[in-house]
């Protein structure tokens, strides 16, 4: 695998990229080969929650659904924080049931996130996507067992360089989220910041992918020559 994109909203179907495409319960596209599925804290609809949970549960049982998410906590959301917590915790129970990693969206609620992980004794890998904060928070998350994923803000904010440089090589993944640039651009910048050859960075990310997702894929297994 040349490139792994931990979190994207755009399926580009490139032969050299394994894309974990974010999908929502009510907007599922069966043409996407690998995806994550979850209830986003900004889009909680209490009128259809049970239906959403049923869909998430069903999709997580499938091998092509690699992860739960994105899901999490967001203090900008109009939904009450108590409801967000309840929805998040119910989803974490599904992740444990199906033994799937969790792609986390978190805004201004990192201490609550850590508390929930500890209280529920979550054992599946948990990845905070789109990390953009200071190294102290990154270290706190990593010390508590989280992975951190970098992408959009790494491209947009040069101040994140020193943060990324100090992330242990076995604790990060890379993504594009909703930016126009491809994952190759993220890899190139990440390799520069880590002072590595691109091939060395690819090897690191592949190893982290194998650890988090607990299986190995060759490029032709998931994206046959077209």
C-alpha atoms as a PDB file:
ATOM      1  CA  UNK A   1       0.000   0.000   0.000  1.00  0.00           C
ATOM      2  CA  UNK A   2       1.508   3.318  -1.073  1.00  0.00           C
ATOM      3  CA  UNK A   3      -0.917   5.641   0.689  1.00  0.00           C
ATOM      4  CA  UNK A   4      -3.561   5.291   3.371  1.00  0.00           C
ATOM      5  CA  UNK A   5      -6.086   8.075   3.917  1.00  0.00           C
ATOM      6  CA  UNK A   6      -7.526   7.697   7.415  1.00  0.00           C
ATOM      7  CA  UNK A   7     -10.432  10.088   6.888  1.00  0.00           C
ATOM      8  CA  UNK A   8     -11.911  11.592   3.750  1.00  0.00           C
ATOM      9  CA  UNK A   9     -15.311  12.723   2.515  1.00  0.00           C
ATOM     10  CA  UNK A  10     -14.303  12.323  -1.127  1.00  0.00           C
ATOM     11  CA  UNK A  11     -13.828   8.948  -2.789  1.00  0.00           C
ATOM     12  CA  UNK A  12     -11.186   9.416  -5.500  1.00  0.00           C
ATOM     13  CA  UNK A  13     -10.746   5.746  -6.434  1.00  0.00           C
ATOM     14  CA  UNK A  14      -6.988   5.935  -6.969  1.00  0.00           C
ATOM     15  CA  UNK A  15      -5.199   2.628  -7.443  1.00  0.00           C
ATOM     16  CA  UNK A  16      -2.358   3.572  -5.080  1.00  0.00           C
ATOM     17  CA  UNK A  17      -4.544   4.850  -2.226  1.00  0.00           C
ATOM     18  CA  UNK A  18      -6.624   3.028   0.346  1.00  0.00           C
ATOM     19  CA  UNK A  19      -9.255   5.562   1.359  1.00  0.00           C
ATOM     20  CA  UNK A  20     -11.328   5.261   4.509  1.00  0.00           C
ATOM     21  CA  UNK A  21     -14.339   7.237   3.289  1.00  0.00           C
ATOM     22  CA  UNK A  22     -16.615   8.771   5.903  1.00  0.00           C
ATOM     23  CA  UNK A  23     -20.231   7.687   5.495  1.00  0.00           C
ATOM     24  CA  UNK A  24     -23.387   8.655   7.369  1.00  0.00           C
ATOM     25  CA  UNK A  25     -26.210   6.205   8.154  1.00  0.00           C
ATOM     26  CA  UNK A  26     -28.797   7.927   5.954  1.00  0.00           C
ATOM     27  CA  UNK A  27     -26.401   8.725   3.097  1.00  0.00           C
ATOM     28  CA  UNK A  28     -24.788   5.373   2.379  1.00  0.00           C
ATOM     29  CA  UNK A  29     -23.028   4.716  -0.932  1.00  0.00           C
ATOM     30  CA  UNK A  30     -22.509   0.999  -1.538  1.00  0.00           C
ATOM     31  CA  UNK A  31     -20.039   1.682  -4.364  1.00  0.00           C
ATOM     32  CA  UNK A  32     -17.340   2.758  -1.910  1.00  0.00           C
ATOM     33  CA  UNK A  33     -15.067  -0.222  -1.148  1.00  0.00           C
ATOM     34  CA  UNK A  34     -13.872   0.782   2.336  1.00  0.00           C
ATOM     35  CA  UNK A  35     -15.500   3.204   4.711  1.00  0.00           C
ATOM     36  CA  UNK A  36     -16.222   4.261   8.266  1.00  0.00           C
ATOM     37  CA  UNK A  37     -19.767   4.688   9.542  1.00  0.00           C
ATOM     38  CA  UNK A  38     -20.999   6.743  12.459  1.00  0.00           C
ATOM     39  CA  UNK A  39     -23.297   9.406  13.879  1.00  0.00           C
ATOM     40  CA  UNK A  40     -21.555  12.793  13.858  1.00  0.00           C
ATOM     41  CA  UNK A  41     -22.212  15.005  16.915  1.00  0.00           C
ATOM     42  CA  UNK A  42     -23.192  17.916  14.667  1.00  0.00           C
ATOM     43  CA  UNK A  43     -25.794  15.835  12.853  1.00  0.00           C
ATOM     44  CA  UNK A  44     -27.612  14.031  15.641  1.00  0.00           C
ATOM     45  CA  UNK A  45     -31.300  13.735  14.787  1.00  0.00           C
ATOM     46  CA  UNK A  46     -33.216  12.478  17.804  1.00  0.00           C
ATOM     47  CA  UNK A  47     -36.192  11.592  15.612  1.00  0.00           C
ATOM     48  CA  UNK A  48     -34.232   8.915  13.776  1.00  0.00           C
ATOM     49  CA  UNK A  49     -31.599   7.883  16.308  1.00  0.00           C
ATOM     50  CA  UNK A  50     -32.763   4.306  16.661  1.00  0.00           C
ATOM     51  CA  UNK A  51     -32.768   3.855  12.889  1.00  0.00           C
ATOM     52  CA  UNK A  52     -29.285   5.373  12.687  1.00  0.00           C
ATOM     53  CA  UNK A  53     -27.980   3.082  15.407  1.00  0.00           C
ATOM     54  CA  UNK A  54     -29.425   0.055  13.627  1.00  0.00           C
ATOM     55  CA  UNK A  55     -27.704   1.004  10.380  1.00  0.00           C
ATOM     56  CA  UNK A  56     -24.366   1.651  12.123  1.00  0.00           C
ATOM     57  CA  UNK A  57     -24.626  -1.709  13.887  1.00  0.00           C
ATOM     58  CA  UNK A  58     -25.359  -3.505  10.605  1.00  0.00           C
ATOM     59  CA  UNK A  59     -22.542  -1.825   8.694  1.00  0.00           C
ATOM     60  CA  UNK A  60     -19.943  -2.386  11.414  1.00  0.00           C
ATOM     61  CA  UNK A  61     -20.561  -6.110  11.064  1.00  0.00           C
ATOM     62  CA  UNK A  62     -19.318  -5.979   7.460  1.00  0.00           C
ATOM     63  CA  UNK A  63     -15.613  -6.393   6.590  1.00  0.00           C
ATOM     64  CA  UNK A  64     -15.612  -3.378   4.262  1.00  0.00           C
ATOM     65  CA  UNK A  65     -16.632  -1.126   7.149  1.00  0.00           C
ATOM     66  CA  UNK A  66     -13.203  -0.675   8.715  1.00  0.00           C
ATOM     67  CA  UNK A  67     -14.103   1.697  11.539  1.00  0.00           C
ATOM     68  CA  UNK A  68     -16.779   3.444  13.540  1.00  0.00           C
ATOM     69  CA  UNK A  69     -16.921   7.162  12.881  1.00  0.00           C
ATOM     70  CA  UNK A  70     -16.600   9.848  12.576  1.00  0.00           C
ATOM     71  CA  UNK A  71     -18.318  10.266  15.890  1.00  0.00           C
ATOM     72  CA  UNK A  72     -17.527  12.077  19.095  1.00  0.00           C
ATOM     73  CA  UNK A  73     -18.141  15.292  21.010  1.00  0.00           C
ATOM     74  CA  UNK A  74     -18.458  18.877  19.816  1.00  0.00           C
ATOM     75  CA  UNK A  75     -19.310  21.781  22.105  1.00  0.00           C
ATOM     76  CA  UNK A  76     -20.293  23.863  19.065  1.00  0.00           C
ATOM     77  CA  UNK A  77     -23.182  21.539  18.339  1.00  0.00           C
ATOM     78  CA  UNK A  78     -26.755  22.680  18.950  1.00  0.00           C
ATOM     79  CA  UNK A  79     -27.458  19.242  20.400  1.00  0.00           C
ATOM     80  CA  UNK A  80     -27.103  19.173  24.168  1.00  0.00           C
ATOM     81  CA  UNK A  81     -23.789  17.849  25.408  1.00  0.00           C
ATOM     82  CA  UNK A  82     -25.562  15.224  27.510  1.00  0.00           C
ATOM     83  CA  UNK A  83     -27.263  13.786  24.427  1.00  0.00           C
ATOM     84  CA  UNK A  84     -23.967  13.872  22.527  1.00  0.00           C
ATOM     85  CA  UNK A  85     -22.315  11.886  25.302  1.00  0.00           C
ATOM     86  CA  UNK A  86     -25.105   9.328  25.321  1.00  0.00           C
ATOM     87  CA  UNK A  87     -24.961   8.892  21.541  1.00  0.00           C
ATOM     88  CA  UNK A  88     -21.172   8.661  21.589  1.00  0.00           C
ATOM     89  CA  UNK A  89     -21.118   6.091  24.382  1.00  0.00           C
ATOM     90  CA  UNK A  90     -23.707   3.930  22.616  1.00  0.00           C
ATOM     91  CA  UNK A  91     -21.554   4.004  19.498  1.00  0.00           C
ATOM     92  CA  UNK A  92     -18.458   3.048  21.454  1.00  0.00           C
ATOM     93  CA  UNK A  93     -20.348   0.005  22.718  1.00  0.00           C
ATOM     94  CA  UNK A  94     -20.953  -0.968  19.080  1.00  0.00           C
ATOM     95  CA  UNK A  95     -17.258  -0.505  18.282  1.00  0.00           C
ATOM     96  CA  UNK A  96     -16.384  -2.855  21.129  1.00  0.00           C
ATOM     97  CA  UNK A  97     -19.049  -5.328  20.011  1.00  0.00           C
ATOM     98  CA  UNK A  98     -17.650  -5.478  16.485  1.00  0.00           C
ATOM     99  CA  UNK A  99     -14.016  -4.843  17.472  1.00  0.00           C
ATOM    100  CA  UNK A 100     -13.599  -1.921  15.087  1.00  0.00           C
ATOM    101  CA  UNK A 101     -11.388   1.161  15.599  1.00  0.00           C
ATOM    102  CA  UNK A 102     -13.017   4.538  16.215  1.00  0.00           C
ATOM    103  CA  UNK A 103     -12.428   7.729  14.171  1.00  0.00           C
ATOM    104  CA  UNK A 104     -13.139  10.579  16.570  1.00  0.00           C
ATOM    105  CA  UNK A 105     -14.345  14.121  15.977  1.00  0.00           C
ATOM    106  CA  UNK A 106     -13.633  16.205  19.064  1.00  0.00           C
ATOM    107  CA  UNK A 107     -14.030  19.948  19.592  1.00  0.00           C
ATOM    108  CA  UNK A 108     -13.377  21.549  22.992  1.00  0.00           C
ATOM    109  CA  UNK A 109     -14.141  18.290  24.814  1.00  0.00           C
ATOM    110  CA  UNK A 110     -10.868  16.406  25.055  1.00  0.00           C
ATOM    111  CA  UNK A 111     -10.950  15.926  28.813  1.00  0.00           C
ATOM    112  CA  UNK A 112     -14.459  14.505  28.566  1.00  0.00           C
ATOM    113  CA  UNK A 113     -13.274  12.257  25.736  1.00  0.00           C
ATOM    114  CA  UNK A 114     -10.460  10.861  27.868  1.00  0.00           C
ATOM    115  CA  UNK A 115     -12.802  10.395  30.833  1.00  0.00           C
ATOM    116  CA  UNK A 116     -15.299   8.432  28.748  1.00  0.00           C
ATOM    117  CA  UNK A 117     -12.590   6.189  27.304  1.00  0.00           C
ATOM    118  CA  UNK A 118     -11.300   5.398  30.787  1.00  0.00           C
ATOM    119  CA  UNK A 119     -14.710   4.945  32.397  1.00  0.00           C
ATOM    120  CA  UNK A 120     -15.969   2.616  29.691  1.00  0.00           C
ATOM    121  CA  UNK A 121     -12.627   0.799  29.512  1.00  0.00           C
ATOM    122  CA  UNK A 122     -12.543   1.041  25.722  1.00  0.00           C
ATOM    123  CA  UNK A 123     -10.044  -1.401  24.251  1.00  0.00           C
ATOM    124  CA  UNK A 124     -10.390  -0.841  20.503  1.00  0.00           C
ATOM    125  CA  UNK A 125      -8.017   1.710  18.918  1.00  0.00           C
ATOM    126  CA  UNK A 126      -9.269   5.302  19.048  1.00  0.00           C
ATOM    127  CA  UNK A 127      -7.974   7.886  16.566  1.00  0.00           C
ATOM    128  CA  UNK A 128      -8.552  11.619  16.998  1.00  0.00           C
ATOM    129  CA  UNK A 129      -8.833  12.848  13.444  1.00  0.00           C
ATOM    130  CA  UNK A 130      -7.870  16.317  12.215  1.00  0.00           C
ATOM    131  CA  UNK A 131      -5.589  17.072  15.164  1.00  0.00           C
ATOM    132  CA  UNK A 132      -4.684  20.760  15.382  1.00  0.00           C
ATOM    133  CA  UNK A 133      -3.840  21.455  19.019  1.00  0.00           C
ATOM    134  CA  UNK A 134      -0.676  21.840  21.086  1.00  0.00           C
ATOM    135  CA  UNK A 135       1.856  19.115  21.777  1.00  0.00           C
ATOM    136  CA  UNK A 136       0.843  18.929  25.443  1.00  0.00           C
ATOM    137  CA  UNK A 137      -2.647  17.768  24.491  1.00  0.00           C
ATOM    138  CA  UNK A 138      -1.268  15.380  21.894  1.00  0.00           C
ATOM    139  CA  UNK A 139       0.984  13.804  24.518  1.00  0.00           C
ATOM    140  CA  UNK A 140      -1.923  13.522  26.945  1.00  0.00           C
ATOM    141  CA  UNK A 141      -4.008  11.741  24.336  1.00  0.00           C
ATOM    142  CA  UNK A 142      -1.167   9.420  23.359  1.00  0.00           C
ATOM    143  CA  UNK A 143      -0.397   8.651  27.005  1.00  0.00           C
ATOM    144  CA  UNK A 144      -4.020   7.573  27.347  1.00  0.00           C
ATOM    145  CA  UNK A 145      -3.841   5.248  24.365  1.00  0.00           C
ATOM    146  CA  UNK A 146      -5.149   7.422  21.539  1.00  0.00           C
ATOM    147  CA  UNK A 147      -3.698   7.830  18.067  1.00  0.00           C
ATOM    148  CA  UNK A 148      -3.746  11.224  16.352  1.00  0.00           C
ATOM    149  CA  UNK A 149      -4.324  11.893  12.680  1.00  0.00           C
ATOM    150  CA  UNK A 150      -3.070  14.930  10.753  1.00  0.00           C
ATOM    151  CA  UNK A 151      -4.125  16.427   7.451  1.00  0.00           C
ATOM    152  CA  UNK A 152      -5.984  19.628   6.690  1.00  0.00           C
ATOM    153  CA  UNK A 153      -4.466  21.747   9.458  1.00  0.00           C
ATOM    154  CA  UNK A 154      -1.002  20.318   8.806  1.00  0.00           C
ATOM    155  CA  UNK A 155      -1.287  21.745   5.282  1.00  0.00           C
ATOM    156  CA  UNK A 156      -2.800  25.049   6.377  1.00  0.00           C
ATOM    157  CA  UNK A 157      -0.972  25.952   9.601  1.00  0.00           C
ATOM    158  CA  UNK A 158       2.862  25.961   9.621  1.00  0.00           C
ATOM    159  CA  UNK A 159       2.803  26.232  13.426  1.00  0.00           C
ATOM    160  CA  UNK A 160       1.683  22.608  13.548  1.00  0.00           C
ATOM    161  CA  UNK A 161       5.062  21.496  12.184  1.00  0.00           C
ATOM    162  CA  UNK A 162       6.723  21.311  15.605  1.00  0.00           C
ATOM    163  CA  UNK A 163       3.742  19.437  17.046  1.00  0.00           C
ATOM    164  CA  UNK A 164       3.853  16.831  14.303  1.00  0.00           C
ATOM    165  CA  UNK A 165       7.619  16.468  14.603  1.00  0.00           C
ATOM    166  CA  UNK A 166       7.217  15.502  18.249  1.00  0.00           C
ATOM    167  CA  UNK A 167       4.525  12.861  17.707  1.00  0.00           C
ATOM    168  CA  UNK A 168       5.958   9.336  18.143  1.00  0.00           C
ATOM    169  CA  UNK A 169       6.208   7.591  14.808  1.00  0.00           C
ATOM    170  CA  UNK A 170       3.997   4.729  15.983  1.00  0.00           C
ATOM    171  CA  UNK A 171       1.110   6.986  17.039  1.00  0.00           C
ATOM    172  CA  UNK A 172       0.013   8.958  13.980  1.00  0.00           C
ATOM    173  CA  UNK A 173      -1.949   8.535  10.770  1.00  0.00           C
ATOM    174  CA  UNK A 174      -2.618  10.902   7.865  1.00  0.00           C
ATOM    175  CA  UNK A 175      -5.791  12.119   6.183  1.00  0.00           C
ATOM    176  CA  UNK A 176      -7.292  14.688   3.831  1.00  0.00           C
ATOM    177  CA  UNK A 177     -10.743  15.204   5.384  1.00  0.00           C
ATOM    178  CA  UNK A 178     -12.392  17.732   3.034  1.00  0.00           C
ATOM    179  CA  UNK A 179      -9.408  19.522   1.468  1.00  0.00           C
ATOM    180  CA  UNK A 180      -8.854  19.562  -2.278  1.00  0.00           C
ATOM    181  CA  UNK A 181      -5.249  18.369  -2.014  1.00  0.00           C
ATOM    182  CA  UNK A 182      -4.683  14.636  -2.344  1.00  0.00           C
ATOM    183  CA  UNK A 183      -3.246  12.411   0.368  1.00  0.00           C
ATOM    184  CA  UNK A 184       0.046  12.375  -1.566  1.00  0.00           C
ATOM    185  CA  UNK A 185       0.510  16.070  -0.735  1.00  0.00           C
ATOM    186  CA  UNK A 186      -0.061  15.350   2.967  1.00  0.00           C
ATOM    187  CA  UNK A 187       2.490  12.523   2.880  1.00  0.00           C
ATOM    188  CA  UNK A 188       5.071  14.730   1.165  1.00  0.00           C
ATOM    189  CA  UNK A 189       4.758  17.471   3.771  1.00  0.00           C
ATOM    190  CA  UNK A 190       4.715  14.969   6.636  1.00  0.00           C
ATOM    191  CA  UNK A 191       7.916  13.350   5.346  1.00  0.00           C
ATOM    192  CA  UNK A 192       9.547  16.780   5.123  1.00  0.00           C
ATOM    193  CA  UNK A 193       8.547  17.654   8.690  1.00  0.00           C
ATOM    194  CA  UNK A 194       9.785  14.290   9.997  1.00  0.00           C
ATOM    195  CA  UNK A 195      12.993  14.584   7.918  1.00  0.00           C
ATOM    196  CA  UNK A 196      12.300  11.242   6.275  1.00  0.00           C
ATOM    197  CA  UNK A 197      12.300   9.891   2.765  1.00  0.00           C
ATOM    198  CA  UNK A 198       8.784   9.437   1.410  1.00  0.00           C
ATOM    199  CA  UNK A 199       9.296   5.669   1.333  1.00  0.00           C
ATOM    200  CA  UNK A 200      10.265   5.689   5.013  1.00  0.00           C
ATOM    201  CA  UNK A 201       7.130   7.611   5.925  1.00  0.00           C
ATOM    202  CA  UNK A 202       5.004   5.230   3.873  1.00  0.00           C
ATOM    203  CA  UNK A 203       6.481   2.302   5.771  1.00  0.00           C
ATOM    204  CA  UNK A 204       5.682   3.980   9.112  1.00  0.00           C
ATOM    205  CA  UNK A 205       2.071   4.711   8.168  1.00  0.00           C
ATOM    206  CA  UNK A 206       1.595   1.208   6.752  1.00  0.00           C
ATOM    207  CA  UNK A 207       2.820  -0.276  10.019  1.00  0.00           C
ATOM    208  CA  UNK A 208       0.492   1.945  12.031  1.00  0.00           C
ATOM    209  CA  UNK A 209      -2.393   1.024   9.744  1.00  0.00           C
ATOM    210  CA  UNK A 210      -1.677  -2.674  10.246  1.00  0.00           C
ATOM    211  CA  UNK A 211      -1.558  -2.174  14.017  1.00  0.00           C
ATOM    212  CA  UNK A 212      -4.761  -0.149  14.239  1.00  0.00           C
ATOM    213  CA  UNK A 213      -6.815  -2.156  11.749  1.00  0.00           C
ATOM    214  CA  UNK A 214      -5.261  -5.515  12.535  1.00  0.00           C
ATOM    215  CA  UNK A 215      -5.011  -6.784   8.992  1.00  0.00           C
ATOM    216  CA  UNK A 216      -2.828  -6.394   5.927  1.00  0.00           C
ATOM    217  CA  UNK A 217      -3.893  -5.619   2.401  1.00  0.00           C
ATOM    218  CA  UNK A 218      -1.888  -5.536  -0.777  1.00  0.00           C
ATOM    219  CA  UNK A 219      -2.753  -2.763  -3.206  1.00  0.00           C
ATOM    220  CA  UNK A 220      -4.287  -5.167  -5.728  1.00  0.00           C
ATOM    221  CA  UNK A 221      -6.516  -6.745  -3.065  1.00  0.00           C
ATOM    222  CA  UNK A 222      -8.584  -3.627  -2.557  1.00  0.00           C
ATOM    223  CA  UNK A 223      -8.093  -1.715  -5.780  1.00  0.00           C
ATOM    224  CA  UNK A 224      -7.629  -4.101  -8.730  1.00  0.00           C
ATOM    225  CA  UNK A 225      -6.104  -2.793 -11.918  1.00  0.00           C
ATOM    226  CA  UNK A 226      -8.685  -1.052 -14.024  1.00  0.00           C
END
